[in-house]
């Protein structure tokens, strides 16, 4: 009876070790980015944006764009409301 319990414990430990080896063998690996490659682009925050938010005039152009996008529908409605009918 004791031998079966010992055998069961060791087989469970062996199964756990085997499964860990399988997981380690199938682990994903990556290679270091080649900066000399023509297919590599800069990485990091703000590098994927088509504009530079750290420029001096960015805040002005940003808020101008937002105000135009928000105010244009209201301006069109006011213009259509007070425009004389033909």
Foldseek 3Di string as FASTA:
>chain_A
DVVVVVVVVVVVVVVVVVVVVVCVVPDDDDDDDDPVDPPDADDDPPRPDPDDCPDPCNVVVVVVVVCCVVCVVVVVVVCVVPPDDD
